[in-house]
Amino acid sequence: MSIEVVRADSLGEPGRSAAAALLAHGFAQDFTAVTRDPERLAAAFEPIIVPVRFHLALRDGDPAGITTLTEPDQEVFDPRWAPLRRSLGVLRRTLLYLVVRGAFMGHDPDAAPGRAELGFVATAPEHRGAGVATALLRHLVQTSGHRVHVLRDIKDTNEAALHVYRRLGFVEYTRRTARFSHRAGFSAYVSMKRESPVS
């Protein structure tokens, strides 16, 4: 089995669709207030994601995982009302807009030249355990040209992801307490970074 990493926009509309589907299935629990249907969520994501920011891991040609890579002042979403209106009703459209704007947009407060943020790391269920996330992140760390890579706001209960990140050389640099942690099911958001040696 081979894993190839490509930018979503390099595949045209199929790349956008694949990124939206992987995003919806990987982060469905964060959008249950909008819809519990991942297919409907993917349809809502598709027109508002910025494909140039999404990187896909193709496992033998099959979209198996995603992550985003951004520099300061770059966003992964472009939430506009018209596309949302086509895929969601008024209430759900408003909820999605508010969740995306409030929780998933905004820049790294420590942003600096040479620093990039990796986000929305997700692997399709049928490809988990095959090293997809590891291959994807390793590729971006090695080829993006940034000296520092950060992963922000990982739930402290997501031990599988934290284990992968530690193995790749990421270390925790801050954590913040989650609001309503008892109801949310986790207590803190962990942020990690990896610094490449200066050559």
C-alpha atoms as a PDB file:
ATOM      1  CA  MET A   1       0.000   0.000   0.000  1.00  0.00           C
ATOM      2  CA  SER A   2       1.389   3.394  -0.976  1.00  0.00           C
ATOM      3  CA  ILE A   3       0.429   6.789   0.418  1.00  0.00           C
ATOM      4  CA  GLU A   4       0.695   9.917  -1.724  1.00  0.00           C
ATOM      5  CA  VAL A   5       0.094  13.438  -0.394  1.00  0.00           C
ATOM      6  CA  VAL A   6      -1.522  16.016  -2.683  1.00  0.00           C
ATOM      7  CA  ARG A   7      -3.194  19.378  -2.253  1.00  0.00           C
ATOM      8  CA  ALA A   8      -6.965  19.123  -2.612  1.00  0.00           C
ATOM      9  CA  ASP A   9      -7.125  21.832  -5.272  1.00  0.00           C
ATOM     10  CA  SER A  10      -4.762  19.841  -7.510  1.00  0.00           C
ATOM     11  CA  LEU A  11      -7.586  17.312  -8.021  1.00  0.00           C
ATOM     12  CA  GLY A  12     -10.209  19.905  -8.970  1.00  0.00           C
ATOM     13  CA  GLU A  13     -13.795  19.358  -7.805  1.00  0.00           C
ATOM     14  CA  PRO A  14     -13.183  15.725  -6.757  1.00  0.00           C
ATOM     15  CA  GLY A  15     -10.486  16.997  -4.386  1.00  0.00           C
ATOM     16  CA  ARG A  16     -12.863  19.538  -2.862  1.00  0.00           C
ATOM     17  CA  SER A  17     -15.538  16.840  -2.443  1.00  0.00           C
ATOM     18  CA  ALA A  18     -13.077  14.397  -0.870  1.00  0.00           C
ATOM     19  CA  ALA A  19     -11.783  17.024   1.570  1.00  0.00           C
ATOM     20  CA  ALA A  20     -15.344  17.991   2.571  1.00  0.00           C
ATOM     21  CA  ALA A  21     -16.340  14.343   3.126  1.00  0.00           C
ATOM     22  CA  LEU A  22     -13.244  13.540   5.214  1.00  0.00           C
ATOM     23  CA  LEU A  23     -13.732  16.731   7.224  1.00  0.00           C
ATOM     24  CA  ALA A  24     -17.408  15.945   7.876  1.00  0.00           C
ATOM     25  CA  HIS A  25     -16.750  12.370   8.966  1.00  0.00           C
ATOM     26  CA  GLY A  26     -13.699  13.269  11.046  1.00  0.00           C
ATOM     27  CA  PHE A  27     -15.290  16.162  12.923  1.00  0.00           C
ATOM     28  CA  ALA A  28     -18.980  15.250  12.940  1.00  0.00           C
ATOM     29  CA  GLN A  29     -19.092  15.339  16.762  1.00  0.00           C
ATOM     30  CA  ASP A  30     -18.186  19.043  16.720  1.00  0.00           C
ATOM     31  CA  PHE A  31     -21.158  19.875  14.496  1.00  0.00           C
ATOM     32  CA  THR A  32     -23.996  17.827  15.995  1.00  0.00           C
ATOM     33  CA  ALA A  33     -25.905  21.037  16.721  1.00  0.00           C
ATOM     34  CA  VAL A  34     -26.020  21.614  12.960  1.00  0.00           C
ATOM     35  CA  THR A  35     -26.777  18.073  11.778  1.00  0.00           C
ATOM     36  CA  ARG A  36     -26.064  14.490  12.769  1.00  0.00           C
ATOM     37  CA  ASP A  37     -25.912  13.430   9.117  1.00  0.00           C
ATOM     38  CA  PRO A  38     -22.280  13.417   7.878  1.00  0.00           C
ATOM     39  CA  GLU A  39     -23.400  13.426   4.233  1.00  0.00           C
ATOM     40  CA  ARG A  40     -25.446  16.559   4.760  1.00  0.00           C
ATOM     41  CA  LEU A  41     -22.568  18.136   6.683  1.00  0.00           C
ATOM     42  CA  ALA A  42     -20.152  17.296   3.848  1.00  0.00           C
ATOM     43  CA  ALA A  43     -22.517  18.951   1.354  1.00  0.00           C
ATOM     44  CA  ALA A  44     -22.568  22.073   3.545  1.00  0.00           C
ATOM     45  CA  PHE A  45     -18.761  22.103   3.890  1.00  0.00           C
ATOM     46  CA  GLU A  46     -18.011  21.585   0.211  1.00  0.00           C
ATOM     47  CA  PRO A  47     -18.668  25.130  -1.059  1.00  0.00           C
ATOM     48  CA  ILE A  48     -17.121  26.920   1.939  1.00  0.00           C
ATOM     49  CA  ILE A  49     -13.767  25.167   2.333  1.00  0.00           C
ATOM     50  CA  VAL A  50     -10.631  26.651   0.764  1.00  0.00           C
ATOM     51  CA  PRO A  51      -9.163  23.653  -1.132  1.00  0.00           C
ATOM     52  CA  VAL A  52      -5.687  25.161  -1.471  1.00  0.00           C
ATOM     53  CA  ARG A  53      -5.316  24.842   2.321  1.00  0.00           C
ATOM     54  CA  PHE A  54      -6.319  21.156   2.471  1.00  0.00           C
ATOM     55  CA  HIS A  55      -3.875  18.317   1.897  1.00  0.00           C
ATOM     56  CA  LEU A  56      -5.117  14.826   1.122  1.00  0.00           C
ATOM     57  CA  ALA A  57      -3.409  11.511   1.781  1.00  0.00           C
ATOM     58  CA  LEU A  58      -4.275   9.121  -1.027  1.00  0.00           C
ATOM     59  CA  ARG A  59      -3.843   5.478  -0.078  1.00  0.00           C
ATOM     60  CA  ASP A  60      -3.548   3.568  -3.328  1.00  0.00           C
ATOM     61  CA  GLY A  61      -5.453   6.437  -4.936  1.00  0.00           C
ATOM     62  CA  ASP A  62      -8.281   6.450  -2.380  1.00  0.00           C
ATOM     63  CA  PRO A  63      -8.721   9.634  -0.271  1.00  0.00           C
ATOM     64  CA  ALA A  64      -7.757   8.335   3.165  1.00  0.00           C
ATOM     65  CA  GLY A  65      -6.892  11.373   5.293  1.00  0.00           C
ATOM     66  CA  ILE A  66      -6.694  15.148   5.444  1.00  0.00           C
ATOM     67  CA  THR A  67      -5.021  17.983   7.231  1.00  0.00           C
ATOM     68  CA  THR A  68      -4.765  21.699   6.631  1.00  0.00           C
ATOM     69  CA  LEU A  69      -1.675  23.876   6.556  1.00  0.00           C
ATOM     70  CA  THR A  70      -1.927  27.624   7.072  1.00  0.00           C
ATOM     71  CA  GLU A  71       0.366  30.570   7.548  1.00  0.00           C
ATOM     72  CA  PRO A  72      -0.609  33.777   9.382  1.00  0.00           C
ATOM     73  CA  ASP A  73      -3.682  35.491   7.899  1.00  0.00           C
ATOM     74  CA  GLN A  74      -4.794  32.355   6.031  1.00  0.00           C
ATOM     75  CA  GLU A  75      -8.084  30.591   6.730  1.00  0.00           C
ATOM     76  CA  VAL A  76      -9.398  27.162   5.750  1.00  0.00           C
ATOM     77  CA  PHE A  77     -13.029  28.294   5.472  1.00  0.00           C
ATOM     78  CA  ASP A  78     -14.759  30.976   3.459  1.00  0.00           C
ATOM     79  CA  PRO A  79     -18.239  30.870   5.045  1.00  0.00           C
ATOM     80  CA  ARG A  80     -20.690  32.592   2.724  1.00  0.00           C
ATOM     81  CA  TRP A  81     -24.456  32.702   3.100  1.00  0.00           C
ATOM     82  CA  ALA A  82     -25.473  31.795  -0.464  1.00  0.00           C
ATOM     83  CA  PRO A  83     -23.834  28.337  -0.608  1.00  0.00           C
ATOM     84  CA  LEU A  84     -25.037  27.535   2.912  1.00  0.00           C
ATOM     85  CA  ARG A  85     -28.584  28.468   1.972  1.00  0.00           C
ATOM     86  CA  ARG A  86     -28.561  25.771  -0.719  1.00  0.00           C
ATOM     87  CA  SER A  87     -27.539  22.950   1.616  1.00  0.00           C
ATOM     88  CA  LEU A  88     -29.114  23.872   4.962  1.00  0.00           C
ATOM     89  CA  GLY A  89     -32.243  25.544   6.280  1.00  0.00           C
ATOM     90  CA  VAL A  90     -32.182  28.928   7.976  1.00  0.00           C
ATOM     91  CA  LEU A  91     -31.553  27.693  11.531  1.00  0.00           C
ATOM     92  CA  ARG A  92     -28.902  25.118  10.642  1.00  0.00           C
ATOM     93  CA  ARG A  93     -27.228  27.501   8.219  1.00  0.00           C
ATOM     94  CA  THR A  94     -26.933  30.088  10.996  1.00  0.00           C
ATOM     95  CA  LEU A  95     -25.605  27.501  13.471  1.00  0.00           C
ATOM     96  CA  LEU A  96     -22.955  26.264  11.025  1.00  0.00           C
ATOM     97  CA  TYR A  97     -21.904  29.806  10.225  1.00  0.00           C
ATOM     98  CA  LEU A  98     -21.562  30.662  13.929  1.00  0.00           C
ATOM     99  CA  VAL A  99     -19.689  27.458  14.806  1.00  0.00           C
ATOM    100  CA  VAL A 100     -17.253  27.843  11.902  1.00  0.00           C
ATOM    101  CA  ARG A 101     -16.643  31.531  12.559  1.00  0.00           C
ATOM    102  CA  GLY A 102     -16.435  31.201  16.338  1.00  0.00           C
ATOM    103  CA  ALA A 103     -14.546  27.951  16.840  1.00  0.00           C
ATOM    104  CA  PHE A 104     -12.680  27.156  13.638  1.00  0.00           C
ATOM    105  CA  MET A 105     -11.489  30.473  12.267  1.00  0.00           C
ATOM    106  CA  GLY A 106      -8.943  32.851  13.711  1.00  0.00           C
ATOM    107  CA  HIS A 107      -5.202  32.937  13.651  1.00  0.00           C
ATOM    108  CA  ASP A 108      -2.528  31.438  15.836  1.00  0.00           C
ATOM    109  CA  PRO A 109      -1.874  34.131  18.480  1.00  0.00           C
ATOM    110  CA  ASP A 110       1.838  33.287  18.327  1.00  0.00           C
ATOM    111  CA  ALA A 111       2.027  33.420  14.532  1.00  0.00           C
ATOM    112  CA  ALA A 112       5.405  34.437  13.153  1.00  0.00           C
ATOM    113  CA  PRO A 113       7.398  34.113   9.931  1.00  0.00           C
ATOM    114  CA  GLY A 114       8.551  30.537   9.412  1.00  0.00           C
ATOM    115  CA  ARG A 115       5.701  29.129  11.521  1.00  0.00           C
ATOM    116  CA  ALA A 116       2.765  27.163  10.088  1.00  0.00           C
ATOM    117  CA  GLU A 117      -0.311  25.654  11.681  1.00  0.00           C
ATOM    118  CA  LEU A 118      -1.501  22.139  10.910  1.00  0.00           C
ATOM    119  CA  GLY A 119      -5.147  21.467  11.605  1.00  0.00           C
ATOM    120  CA  PHE A 120      -8.169  19.262  10.982  1.00  0.00           C
ATOM    121  CA  VAL A 121      -6.170  16.050  10.997  1.00  0.00           C
ATOM    122  CA  ALA A 122      -8.551  13.202  10.185  1.00  0.00           C
ATOM    123  CA  THR A 123      -8.358   9.680   8.767  1.00  0.00           C
ATOM    124  CA  ALA A 124     -11.242   7.826   7.139  1.00  0.00           C
ATOM    125  CA  PRO A 125     -12.414   4.967   9.408  1.00  0.00           C
ATOM    126  CA  GLU A 126     -11.530   2.274   6.871  1.00  0.00           C
ATOM    127  CA  HIS A 127      -7.924   3.539   6.686  1.00  0.00           C
ATOM    128  CA  ARG A 128      -7.193   3.987  10.398  1.00  0.00           C
ATOM    129  CA  GLY A 129      -4.195   2.153  11.764  1.00  0.00           C
ATOM    130  CA  ALA A 130      -2.390   2.212   8.414  1.00  0.00           C
ATOM    131  CA  GLY A 131      -0.087   5.158   9.148  1.00  0.00           C
ATOM    132  CA  VAL A 132      -2.069   7.651   7.066  1.00  0.00           C
ATOM    133  CA  ALA A 133      -1.906  10.574   9.512  1.00  0.00           C
ATOM    134  CA  THR A 134       1.756   9.896  10.223  1.00  0.00           C
ATOM    135  CA  ALA A 135       2.655   9.896   6.514  1.00  0.00           C
ATOM    136  CA  LEU A 136       0.603  13.025   5.853  1.00  0.00           C
ATOM    137  CA  LEU A 137       2.048  15.063   8.714  1.00  0.00           C
ATOM    138  CA  ARG A 138       5.604  13.862   8.127  1.00  0.00           C
ATOM    139  CA  HIS A 139       5.354  14.894   4.466  1.00  0.00           C
ATOM    140  CA  LEU A 140       4.120  18.393   5.302  1.00  0.00           C
ATOM    141  CA  VAL A 141       6.704  18.937   8.043  1.00  0.00           C
ATOM    142  CA  GLN A 142       9.484  17.893   5.682  1.00  0.00           C
ATOM    143  CA  THR A 143       8.334  19.749   2.563  1.00  0.00           C
ATOM    144  CA  SER A 144       6.430  22.885   3.616  1.00  0.00           C
ATOM    145  CA  GLY A 145       9.553  24.970   4.169  1.00  0.00           C
ATOM    146  CA  HIS A 146       8.532  26.132   7.662  1.00  0.00           C
ATOM    147  CA  ARG A 147      10.809  25.831  10.672  1.00  0.00           C
ATOM    148  CA  VAL A 148       8.015  25.587  13.260  1.00  0.00           C
ATOM    149  CA  HIS A 149       4.787  23.605  12.908  1.00  0.00           C
ATOM    150  CA  VAL A 150       1.988  23.809  15.470  1.00  0.00           C
ATOM    151  CA  LEU A 151      -1.119  21.778  16.203  1.00  0.00           C
ATOM    152  CA  ARG A 152      -3.595  23.750  18.297  1.00  0.00           C
ATOM    153  CA  ASP A 153      -6.558  22.821  20.462  1.00  0.00           C
ATOM    154  CA  ILE A 154      -6.383  19.028  20.524  1.00  0.00           C
ATOM    155  CA  LYS A 155      -8.834  17.516  23.001  1.00  0.00           C
ATOM    156  CA  ASP A 156      -6.918  16.010  25.921  1.00  0.00           C
ATOM    157  CA  THR A 157      -8.979  12.817  25.616  1.00  0.00           C
ATOM    158  CA  ASN A 158      -7.779  12.234  22.038  1.00  0.00           C
ATOM    159  CA  GLU A 159      -4.895  10.057  23.161  1.00  0.00           C
ATOM    160  CA  ALA A 160      -4.491   8.314  19.801  1.00  0.00           C
ATOM    161  CA  ALA A 161      -3.824  11.620  18.048  1.00  0.00           C
ATOM    162  CA  LEU A 162      -1.577  12.914  20.831  1.00  0.00           C
ATOM    163  CA  HIS A 163       0.462   9.708  20.603  1.00  0.00           C
ATOM    164  CA  VAL A 164       0.963  10.152  16.835  1.00  0.00           C
ATOM    165  CA  TYR A 165       2.006  13.784  17.295  1.00  0.00           C
ATOM    166  CA  ARG A 166       4.495  12.933  20.054  1.00  0.00           C
ATOM    167  CA  ARG A 167       6.040  10.224  17.878  1.00  0.00           C
ATOM    168  CA  LEU A 168       6.562  12.834  15.160  1.00  0.00           C
ATOM    169  CA  GLY A 169       8.446  15.099  17.571  1.00  0.00           C
ATOM    170  CA  PHE A 170       5.666  17.477  18.626  1.00  0.00           C
ATOM    171  CA  VAL A 171       5.749  18.609  22.241  1.00  0.00           C
ATOM    172  CA  GLU A 172       3.054  20.282  24.311  1.00  0.00           C
ATOM    173  CA  TYR A 173       3.594  24.007  24.767  1.00  0.00           C
ATOM    174  CA  THR A 174       0.296  25.096  26.266  1.00  0.00           C
ATOM    175  CA  ARG A 175      -3.128  23.883  27.324  1.00  0.00           C
ATOM    176  CA  ARG A 176      -6.328  25.673  28.159  1.00  0.00           C
ATOM    177  CA  THR A 177      -9.305  24.534  30.168  1.00  0.00           C
ATOM    178  CA  ALA A 178     -12.397  23.624  28.163  1.00  0.00           C
ATOM    179  CA  ARG A 179     -15.595  25.465  28.969  1.00  0.00           C
ATOM    180  CA  PHE A 180     -18.380  23.216  30.255  1.00  0.00           C
ATOM    181  CA  SER A 181     -15.850  20.379  30.410  1.00  0.00           C
ATOM    182  CA  HIS A 182     -18.171  17.952  32.185  1.00  0.00           C
ATOM    183  CA  ARG A 183     -20.777  18.223  29.440  1.00  0.00           C
ATOM    184  CA  ALA A 184     -18.145  18.302  26.669  1.00  0.00           C
ATOM    185  CA  GLY A 185     -16.494  15.083  27.851  1.00  0.00           C
ATOM    186  CA  PHE A 186     -12.937  16.436  27.982  1.00  0.00           C
ATOM    187  CA  SER A 187     -11.173  18.869  30.283  1.00  0.00           C
ATOM    188  CA  ALA A 188      -8.598  20.768  28.235  1.00  0.00           C
ATOM    189  CA  TYR A 189      -7.348  21.715  24.795  1.00  0.00           C
ATOM    190  CA  VAL A 190      -3.697  20.833  24.220  1.00  0.00           C
ATOM    191  CA  SER A 191      -1.462  22.701  21.770  1.00  0.00           C
ATOM    192  CA  MET A 192       1.779  21.205  20.472  1.00  0.00           C
ATOM    193  CA  LYS A 193       4.677  22.317  18.315  1.00  0.00           C
ATOM    194  CA  ARG A 194       7.649  20.892  16.480  1.00  0.00           C
ATOM    195  CA  GLU A 195      10.723  22.953  15.726  1.00  0.00           C
ATOM    196  CA  SER A 196      13.080  21.848  12.972  1.00  0.00           C
ATOM    197  CA  PRO A 197      16.777  22.453  13.559  1.00  0.00           C
ATOM    198  CA  VAL A 198      18.235  25.510  11.845  1.00  0.00           C
ATOM    199  CA  SER A 199      20.361  24.334   8.937  1.00  0.00           C
END
